[in-house]
Amino acid sequence: MIDMNIKHFRKHIGLTQEQLAEQLSVTRQTLAKWENGEASPSIDDCIKMAEIFDVTVNDLAADMTEEELNLVAPKGKHIFGIVTVGERGQIVIPKDAREVFRIKSGDKLLVMGDEEQGIAIVKTDAFQSFASFILDALKKKGEL
């Protein structure tokens, strides 16, 4: 489980055992024992590795196949699946996405687009807060 994941994520980001061990302030032999399942890292070392690999500690410790490990998105990034656009342009936001982003019935969403980058959907209240923050900063600098 965690042994295979450490090895997978280490190789995925192109680090040798020596390089990762140095970043963690452990010996290469210690890291090799973790990857061989002969020993387990401390929770502090797991947290450090999750940060280095840009995954969650849960992803690092999860029991996944090699194929599932290849689909792990960077921490904070999500793949919720594919949706189909209806006749009138409507889409259904997957339940997992609604839960992660706390979207509920009646919320207003802003749809933005860039022909090269794609479409983004943002909660209106979060966007208004961000825009206000930027405007306030520009006013303080005298740029507005």
N, C-alpha and C. Protein backbone atom coordinates (compact mmCIF):
# COMPACT_ATOMS: atom_id res chain seq x y z
N MET A 1 0.83 -1.18 0.00
CA MET A 1 0.00 0.00 0.00
C MET A 1 0.88 1.25 0.00
N ILE A 2 1.23 1.79 1.18
CA ILE A 2 2.02 3.02 1.23
C ILE A 2 3.39 2.80 0.61
N ASP A 3 3.95 1.59 0.75
CA ASP A 3 5.26 1.31 0.18
C ASP A 3 5.25 1.49 -1.33
N MET A 4 4.26 0.89 -1.99
CA MET A 4 4.13 1.01 -3.44
C MET A 4 3.86 2.46 -3.84
N ASN A 5 3.04 3.16 -3.06
CA ASN A 5 2.69 4.54 -3.39
C ASN A 5 3.89 5.47 -3.31
N ILE A 6 4.71 5.29 -2.27
CA ILE A 6 5.90 6.13 -2.14
C ILE A 6 6.78 5.96 -3.37
N LYS A 7 7.02 4.71 -3.74
CA LYS A 7 7.87 4.43 -4.90
C LYS A 7 7.26 5.01 -6.17
N HIS A 8 5.95 4.82 -6.35
CA HIS A 8 5.28 5.33 -7.54
C HIS A 8 5.39 6.86 -7.64
N PHE A 9 5.02 7.56 -6.56
CA PHE A 9 5.03 9.02 -6.60
C PHE A 9 6.45 9.56 -6.72
N ARG A 10 7.41 8.90 -6.09
CA ARG A 10 8.81 9.33 -6.19
C ARG A 10 9.27 9.27 -7.64
N LYS A 11 9.00 8.14 -8.28
CA LYS A 11 9.40 7.98 -9.69
C LYS A 11 8.62 8.94 -10.59
N HIS A 12 7.35 9.15 -10.26
CA HIS A 12 6.50 10.02 -11.07
C HIS A 12 7.05 11.44 -11.15
N ILE A 13 7.64 11.92 -10.04
CA ILE A 13 8.19 13.29 -10.07
C ILE A 13 9.68 13.30 -10.39
N GLY A 14 10.22 12.11 -10.70
CA GLY A 14 11.58 12.03 -11.20
C GLY A 14 12.67 12.15 -10.15
N LEU A 15 12.41 11.70 -8.94
CA LEU A 15 13.42 11.73 -7.89
C LEU A 15 14.03 10.35 -7.68
N THR A 16 15.32 10.32 -7.37
CA THR A 16 15.96 9.07 -6.96
C THR A 16 15.68 8.88 -5.48
N GLN A 17 15.96 7.69 -4.98
CA GLN A 17 15.81 7.45 -3.55
C GLN A 17 16.71 8.41 -2.76
N GLU A 18 17.92 8.62 -3.26
CA GLU A 18 18.85 9.52 -2.57
C GLU A 18 18.31 10.94 -2.49
N GLN A 19 17.74 11.42 -3.59
CA GLN A 19 17.22 12.79 -3.62
C GLN A 19 16.04 12.96 -2.66
N LEU A 20 15.12 12.00 -2.68
CA LEU A 20 13.96 12.10 -1.78
C LEU A 20 14.41 11.97 -0.33
N ALA A 21 15.31 11.03 -0.06
CA ALA A 21 15.80 10.84 1.30
C ALA A 21 16.44 12.13 1.82
N GLU A 22 17.19 12.80 0.96
CA GLU A 22 17.83 14.06 1.37
C GLU A 22 16.79 15.11 1.72
N GLN A 23 15.74 15.22 0.91
CA GLN A 23 14.68 16.19 1.19
C GLN A 23 13.95 15.89 2.49
N LEU A 24 13.90 14.60 2.86
CA LEU A 24 13.19 14.19 4.07
C LEU A 24 14.11 14.12 5.28
N SER A 25 15.41 14.33 5.07
CA SER A 25 16.42 14.22 6.13
C SER A 25 16.45 12.81 6.74
N VAL A 26 16.36 11.80 5.87
CA VAL A 26 16.52 10.41 6.28
C VAL A 26 17.57 9.78 5.37
N THR A 27 18.00 8.58 5.70
CA THR A 27 18.98 7.90 4.85
C THR A 27 18.28 7.24 3.67
N ARG A 28 19.07 6.96 2.64
CA ARG A 28 18.54 6.25 1.48
C ARG A 28 18.07 4.86 1.91
N GLN A 29 18.77 4.26 2.87
CA GLN A 29 18.39 2.93 3.35
C GLN A 29 17.03 2.95 4.04
N THR A 30 16.77 4.02 4.80
CA THR A 30 15.45 4.16 5.44
C THR A 30 14.36 4.24 4.39
N LEU A 31 14.59 5.07 3.37
CA LEU A 31 13.60 5.21 2.30
C LEU A 31 13.41 3.88 1.58
N ALA A 32 14.49 3.16 1.33
CA ALA A 32 14.39 1.85 0.67
C ALA A 32 13.54 0.89 1.50
N LYS A 33 13.70 0.93 2.82
CA LYS A 33 12.88 0.07 3.70
C LYS A 33 11.40 0.44 3.60
N TRP A 34 11.11 1.75 3.51
CA TRP A 34 9.71 2.17 3.35
C TRP A 34 9.16 1.64 2.05
N GLU A 35 9.94 1.76 0.96
CA GLU A 35 9.46 1.33 -0.36
C GLU A 35 9.35 -0.19 -0.47
N ASN A 36 10.12 -0.92 0.33
CA ASN A 36 10.06 -2.39 0.31
C ASN A 36 9.06 -2.94 1.32
N GLY A 37 8.43 -2.08 2.10
CA GLY A 37 7.46 -2.52 3.09
C GLY A 37 8.08 -3.11 4.34
N GLU A 38 9.39 -2.91 4.52
CA GLU A 38 10.08 -3.44 5.71
C GLU A 38 9.89 -2.53 6.92
N ALA A 39 9.53 -1.28 6.68
CA ALA A 39 9.29 -0.30 7.74
C ALA A 39 8.27 0.70 7.23
N SER A 40 7.71 1.47 8.13
CA SER A 40 6.73 2.50 7.74
C SER A 40 7.21 3.87 8.19
N PRO A 41 6.94 4.88 7.36
CA PRO A 41 7.35 6.24 7.73
C PRO A 41 6.47 6.79 8.86
N SER A 42 7.00 7.74 9.59
CA SER A 42 6.21 8.42 10.62
C SER A 42 5.17 9.30 9.95
N ILE A 43 4.19 9.73 10.70
CA ILE A 43 3.17 10.63 10.14
C ILE A 43 3.81 11.92 9.67
N ASP A 44 4.82 12.42 10.39
CA ASP A 44 5.51 13.64 9.95
C ASP A 44 6.18 13.43 8.60
N ASP A 45 6.82 12.26 8.41
CA ASP A 45 7.44 11.97 7.12
C ASP A 45 6.39 11.82 6.02
N CYS A 46 5.23 11.25 6.37
CA CYS A 46 4.14 11.13 5.39
C CYS A 46 3.65 12.51 4.96
N ILE A 47 3.53 13.41 5.90
CA ILE A 47 3.09 14.78 5.58
C ILE A 47 4.10 15.45 4.67
N LYS A 48 5.38 15.30 4.98
CA LYS A 48 6.44 15.89 4.13
C LYS A 48 6.40 15.31 2.72
N MET A 49 6.26 13.97 2.64
CA MET A 49 6.21 13.35 1.31
C MET A 49 4.99 13.79 0.52
N ALA A 50 3.84 13.89 1.19
CA ALA A 50 2.64 14.35 0.50
C ALA A 50 2.85 15.74 -0.08
N GLU A 51 3.54 16.61 0.67
CA GLU A 51 3.83 17.95 0.16
C GLU A 51 4.79 17.90 -1.02
N ILE A 52 5.82 17.07 -0.93
CA ILE A 52 6.78 16.94 -2.02
C ILE A 52 6.11 16.39 -3.28
N PHE A 53 5.25 15.38 -3.10
CA PHE A 53 4.58 14.74 -4.23
C PHE A 53 3.36 15.54 -4.71
N ASP A 54 2.95 16.56 -3.94
CA ASP A 54 1.77 17.38 -4.24
C ASP A 54 0.50 16.53 -4.30
N VAL A 55 0.37 15.64 -3.30
CA VAL A 55 -0.83 14.82 -3.15
C VAL A 55 -1.29 14.95 -1.70
N THR A 56 -2.42 14.38 -1.38
CA THR A 56 -2.89 14.37 0.00
C THR A 56 -2.25 13.20 0.74
N VAL A 57 -2.23 13.26 2.05
CA VAL A 57 -1.74 12.14 2.86
C VAL A 57 -2.62 10.92 2.60
N ASN A 58 -3.93 11.14 2.42
CA ASN A 58 -4.84 10.02 2.12
C ASN A 58 -4.44 9.34 0.81
N ASP A 59 -4.08 10.13 -0.21
CA ASP A 59 -3.64 9.53 -1.47
C ASP A 59 -2.35 8.74 -1.27
N LEU A 60 -1.46 9.26 -0.46
CA LEU A 60 -0.19 8.58 -0.20
C LEU A 60 -0.42 7.24 0.48
N ALA A 61 -1.39 7.17 1.38
CA ALA A 61 -1.61 5.95 2.17
C ALA A 61 -2.68 5.03 1.58
N ALA A 62 -3.39 5.47 0.56
CA ALA A 62 -4.52 4.69 0.03
C ALA A 62 -4.08 3.40 -0.64
N ASP A 63 -4.95 2.42 -0.57
CA ASP A 63 -4.73 1.13 -1.23
C ASP A 63 -5.27 1.25 -2.65
N MET A 64 -4.37 1.53 -3.61
CA MET A 64 -4.78 1.74 -5.00
C MET A 64 -3.94 0.89 -5.93
N THR A 65 -4.52 0.59 -7.08
CA THR A 65 -3.77 -0.10 -8.12
C THR A 65 -2.85 0.90 -8.81
N GLU A 66 -1.92 0.39 -9.60
CA GLU A 66 -1.01 1.26 -10.36
C GLU A 66 -1.81 2.19 -11.27
N GLU A 67 -2.85 1.67 -11.87
CA GLU A 67 -3.69 2.49 -12.76
C GLU A 67 -4.37 3.62 -11.98
N GLU A 68 -4.89 3.31 -10.79
CA GLU A 68 -5.52 4.34 -9.96
C GLU A 68 -4.51 5.38 -9.51
N LEU A 69 -3.29 4.94 -9.19
CA LEU A 69 -2.24 5.88 -8.78
C LEU A 69 -1.92 6.86 -9.90
N ASN A 70 -1.98 6.38 -11.14
CA ASN A 70 -1.70 7.26 -12.28
C ASN A 70 -2.76 8.34 -12.45
N LEU A 71 -3.94 8.12 -11.88
CA LEU A 71 -5.03 9.08 -12.01
C LEU A 71 -5.12 10.07 -10.86
N VAL A 72 -4.23 9.93 -9.86
CA VAL A 72 -4.27 10.84 -8.72
C VAL A 72 -3.91 12.24 -9.19
N ALA A 73 -4.80 13.17 -8.94
CA ALA A 73 -4.56 14.56 -9.33
C ALA A 73 -3.78 15.27 -8.23
N PRO A 74 -3.08 16.33 -8.60
CA PRO A 74 -2.37 17.10 -7.56
C PRO A 74 -3.34 17.58 -6.48
N LYS A 75 -2.82 17.75 -5.28
CA LYS A 75 -3.62 18.18 -4.14
C LYS A 75 -4.42 19.44 -4.51
N GLY A 76 -5.70 19.43 -4.21
CA GLY A 76 -6.55 20.57 -4.51
C GLY A 76 -7.14 20.55 -5.90
N LYS A 77 -6.69 19.64 -6.75
CA LYS A 77 -7.22 19.51 -8.11
C LYS A 77 -8.12 18.28 -8.13
N HIS A 78 -9.19 18.35 -8.90
CA HIS A 78 -10.17 17.27 -8.89
C HIS A 78 -10.59 16.90 -10.30
N ILE A 79 -10.89 15.64 -10.49
CA ILE A 79 -11.55 15.18 -11.71
C ILE A 79 -12.85 14.54 -11.25
N PHE A 80 -13.96 15.15 -11.62
CA PHE A 80 -15.25 14.68 -11.14
C PHE A 80 -15.99 13.82 -12.16
N GLY A 81 -15.45 13.68 -13.34
CA GLY A 81 -16.11 12.86 -14.34
C GLY A 81 -16.59 13.72 -15.51
N ILE A 82 -17.32 13.10 -16.37
CA ILE A 82 -17.79 13.73 -17.60
C ILE A 82 -19.28 14.03 -17.47
N VAL A 83 -19.67 15.20 -17.94
CA VAL A 83 -21.09 15.56 -17.95
C VAL A 83 -21.52 15.75 -19.40
N THR A 84 -22.80 15.62 -19.63
CA THR A 84 -23.37 15.81 -20.97
C THR A 84 -24.16 17.10 -20.99
N VAL A 85 -23.96 17.88 -22.04
CA VAL A 85 -24.69 19.13 -22.19
C VAL A 85 -26.06 18.81 -22.78
N GLY A 86 -27.11 19.31 -22.13
CA GLY A 86 -28.47 19.08 -22.60
C GLY A 86 -28.83 19.96 -23.79
N GLU A 87 -30.02 19.77 -24.31
CA GLU A 87 -30.48 20.50 -25.49
C GLU A 87 -30.44 22.01 -25.30
N ARG A 88 -30.71 22.47 -24.09
CA ARG A 88 -30.75 23.91 -23.83
C ARG A 88 -29.45 24.41 -23.20
N GLY A 89 -28.38 23.59 -23.24
CA GLY A 89 -27.09 24.00 -22.72
C GLY A 89 -26.88 23.71 -21.25
N GLN A 90 -27.82 23.04 -20.62
CA GLN A 90 -27.69 22.77 -19.19
C GLN A 90 -26.74 21.59 -18.94
N ILE A 91 -26.05 21.66 -17.79
CA ILE A 91 -25.22 20.54 -17.35
C ILE A 91 -25.58 20.24 -15.89
N VAL A 92 -25.34 19.04 -15.47
CA VAL A 92 -25.54 18.66 -14.08
C VAL A 92 -24.16 18.58 -13.44
N ILE A 93 -23.95 19.36 -12.38
CA ILE A 93 -22.67 19.33 -11.68
C ILE A 93 -22.66 18.08 -10.81
N PRO A 94 -21.63 17.23 -10.96
CA PRO A 94 -21.60 15.98 -10.18
C PRO A 94 -21.68 16.23 -8.67
N LYS A 95 -22.32 15.30 -7.97
CA LYS A 95 -22.55 15.42 -6.53
C LYS A 95 -21.24 15.65 -5.77
N ASP A 96 -20.18 14.91 -6.11
CA ASP A 96 -18.90 15.08 -5.43
C ASP A 96 -18.39 16.51 -5.58
N ALA A 97 -18.55 17.09 -6.76
CA ALA A 97 -18.10 18.47 -7.00
C ALA A 97 -18.93 19.45 -6.17
N ARG A 98 -20.24 19.21 -6.11
CA ARG A 98 -21.10 20.09 -5.31
C ARG A 98 -20.70 20.02 -3.84
N GLU A 99 -20.35 18.84 -3.37
CA GLU A 99 -19.95 18.70 -1.96
C GLU A 99 -18.62 19.39 -1.69
N VAL A 100 -17.62 19.17 -2.54
CA VAL A 100 -16.30 19.77 -2.33
C VAL A 100 -16.38 21.29 -2.34
N PHE A 101 -17.16 21.83 -3.27
CA PHE A 101 -17.25 23.28 -3.42
C PHE A 101 -18.46 23.89 -2.73
N ARG A 102 -19.16 23.08 -1.95
CA ARG A 102 -20.32 23.50 -1.16
C ARG A 102 -21.35 24.26 -2.02
N ILE A 103 -21.68 23.68 -3.15
CA ILE A 103 -22.68 24.26 -4.05
C ILE A 103 -24.02 23.64 -3.71
N LYS A 104 -25.01 24.49 -3.47
CA LYS A 104 -26.33 23.97 -3.13
C LYS A 104 -27.38 24.63 -4.03
N SER A 105 -28.54 24.09 -4.01
CA SER A 105 -29.64 24.61 -4.81
C SER A 105 -29.86 26.08 -4.49
N GLY A 106 -29.99 26.89 -5.51
CA GLY A 106 -30.22 28.32 -5.34
C GLY A 106 -28.96 29.17 -5.41
N ASP A 107 -27.77 28.52 -5.29
CA ASP A 107 -26.52 29.29 -5.42
C ASP A 107 -26.41 29.86 -6.83
N LYS A 108 -25.79 31.03 -6.92
CA LYS A 108 -25.56 31.64 -8.23
C LYS A 108 -24.11 31.36 -8.62
N LEU A 109 -23.92 30.95 -9.87
CA LEU A 109 -22.60 30.62 -10.39
C LEU A 109 -22.29 31.51 -11.58
N LEU A 110 -21.05 31.95 -11.65
CA LEU A 110 -20.58 32.76 -12.76
C LEU A 110 -19.86 31.84 -13.74
N VAL A 111 -20.24 31.89 -15.00
CA VAL A 111 -19.59 31.08 -16.02
C VAL A 111 -18.70 32.00 -16.85
N MET A 112 -17.40 31.69 -16.86
CA MET A 112 -16.44 32.50 -17.63
C MET A 112 -15.79 31.59 -18.66
N GLY A 113 -15.24 32.18 -19.69
CA GLY A 113 -14.59 31.36 -20.70
C GLY A 113 -13.44 32.06 -21.39
N ASP A 114 -12.52 31.26 -21.83
CA ASP A 114 -11.38 31.69 -22.61
C ASP A 114 -11.26 30.67 -23.73
N GLU A 115 -11.26 31.12 -24.96
CA GLU A 115 -11.28 30.19 -26.09
C GLU A 115 -10.08 29.25 -26.11
N GLU A 116 -8.98 29.65 -25.50
CA GLU A 116 -7.81 28.78 -25.46
C GLU A 116 -7.76 27.93 -24.19
N GLN A 117 -8.24 28.47 -23.07
CA GLN A 117 -8.14 27.77 -21.78
C GLN A 117 -9.38 26.96 -21.43
N GLY A 118 -10.54 27.35 -21.90
CA GLY A 118 -11.76 26.61 -21.59
C GLY A 118 -12.73 27.41 -20.76
N ILE A 119 -13.65 26.71 -20.13
CA ILE A 119 -14.72 27.32 -19.35
C ILE A 119 -14.43 27.14 -17.86
N ALA A 120 -14.76 28.16 -17.09
CA ALA A 120 -14.64 28.08 -15.63
C ALA A 120 -15.97 28.45 -15.02
N ILE A 121 -16.32 27.76 -13.95
CA ILE A 121 -17.55 28.05 -13.21
C ILE A 121 -17.14 28.41 -11.79
N VAL A 122 -17.54 29.59 -11.33
CA VAL A 122 -17.14 30.09 -10.02
C VAL A 122 -18.39 30.53 -9.26
N LYS A 123 -18.42 30.25 -7.95
CA LYS A 123 -19.52 30.75 -7.14
C LYS A 123 -19.47 32.28 -7.17
N THR A 124 -20.60 32.91 -7.42
CA THR A 124 -20.67 34.36 -7.57
C THR A 124 -20.17 35.09 -6.33
N ASP A 125 -20.55 34.63 -5.13
CA ASP A 125 -20.13 35.33 -3.92
C ASP A 125 -18.62 35.27 -3.74
N ALA A 126 -17.98 34.15 -4.09
CA ALA A 126 -16.53 34.04 -3.98
C ALA A 126 -15.86 34.97 -4.98
N PHE A 127 -16.40 35.06 -6.17
CA PHE A 127 -15.83 35.93 -7.19
C PHE A 127 -15.98 37.40 -6.80
N GLN A 128 -17.13 37.77 -6.25
CA GLN A 128 -17.34 39.15 -5.81
C GLN A 128 -16.38 39.52 -4.69
N SER A 129 -16.14 38.62 -3.76
CA SER A 129 -15.19 38.88 -2.67
C SER A 129 -13.79 39.08 -3.23
N PHE A 130 -13.40 38.24 -4.18
CA PHE A 130 -12.08 38.34 -4.78
C PHE A 130 -11.95 39.66 -5.56
N ALA A 131 -12.96 40.00 -6.33
CA ALA A 131 -12.93 41.25 -7.10
C ALA A 131 -12.86 42.46 -6.17
N SER A 132 -13.59 42.44 -5.07
CA SER A 132 -13.54 43.54 -4.10
C SER A 132 -12.16 43.67 -3.49
N PHE A 133 -11.53 42.55 -3.19
CA PHE A 133 -10.18 42.53 -2.63
C PHE A 133 -9.21 43.21 -3.60
N ILE A 134 -9.30 42.87 -4.87
CA ILE A 134 -8.41 43.45 -5.89
C ILE A 134 -8.67 44.95 -6.03
N LEU A 135 -9.93 45.34 -6.10
CA LEU A 135 -10.26 46.76 -6.22
C LEU A 135 -9.76 47.56 -5.02
N ASP A 136 -9.93 47.02 -3.82
CA ASP A 136 -9.43 47.70 -2.62
C ASP A 136 -7.91 47.87 -2.67
N ALA A 137 -7.22 46.84 -3.10
CA ALA A 137 -5.76 46.90 -3.19
C ALA A 137 -5.32 47.95 -4.21
N LEU A 138 -6.02 48.01 -5.33
CA LEU A 138 -5.69 49.02 -6.36
C LEU A 138 -5.96 50.43 -5.86
N LYS A 139 -7.04 50.61 -5.11
CA LYS A 139 -7.36 51.93 -4.54
C LYS A 139 -6.29 52.37 -3.55
N LYS A 140 -5.82 51.44 -2.72
CA LYS A 140 -4.78 51.76 -1.74
C LYS A 140 -3.47 52.16 -2.43
N LYS A 141 -3.19 51.55 -3.57
CA LYS A 141 -1.97 51.88 -4.30
C LYS A 141 -2.14 53.14 -5.16
N GLY A 142 -3.36 53.63 -5.24
CA GLY A 142 -3.63 54.82 -6.05
C GLY A 142 -3.68 54.53 -7.53
N GLU A 143 -3.88 53.27 -7.88
CA GLU A 143 -3.92 52.88 -9.29
C GLU A 143 -5.34 52.87 -9.84
N LEU A 144 -6.29 53.26 -9.01
CA LEU A 144 -7.67 53.24 -9.47
C LEU A 144 -8.36 54.54 -9.09
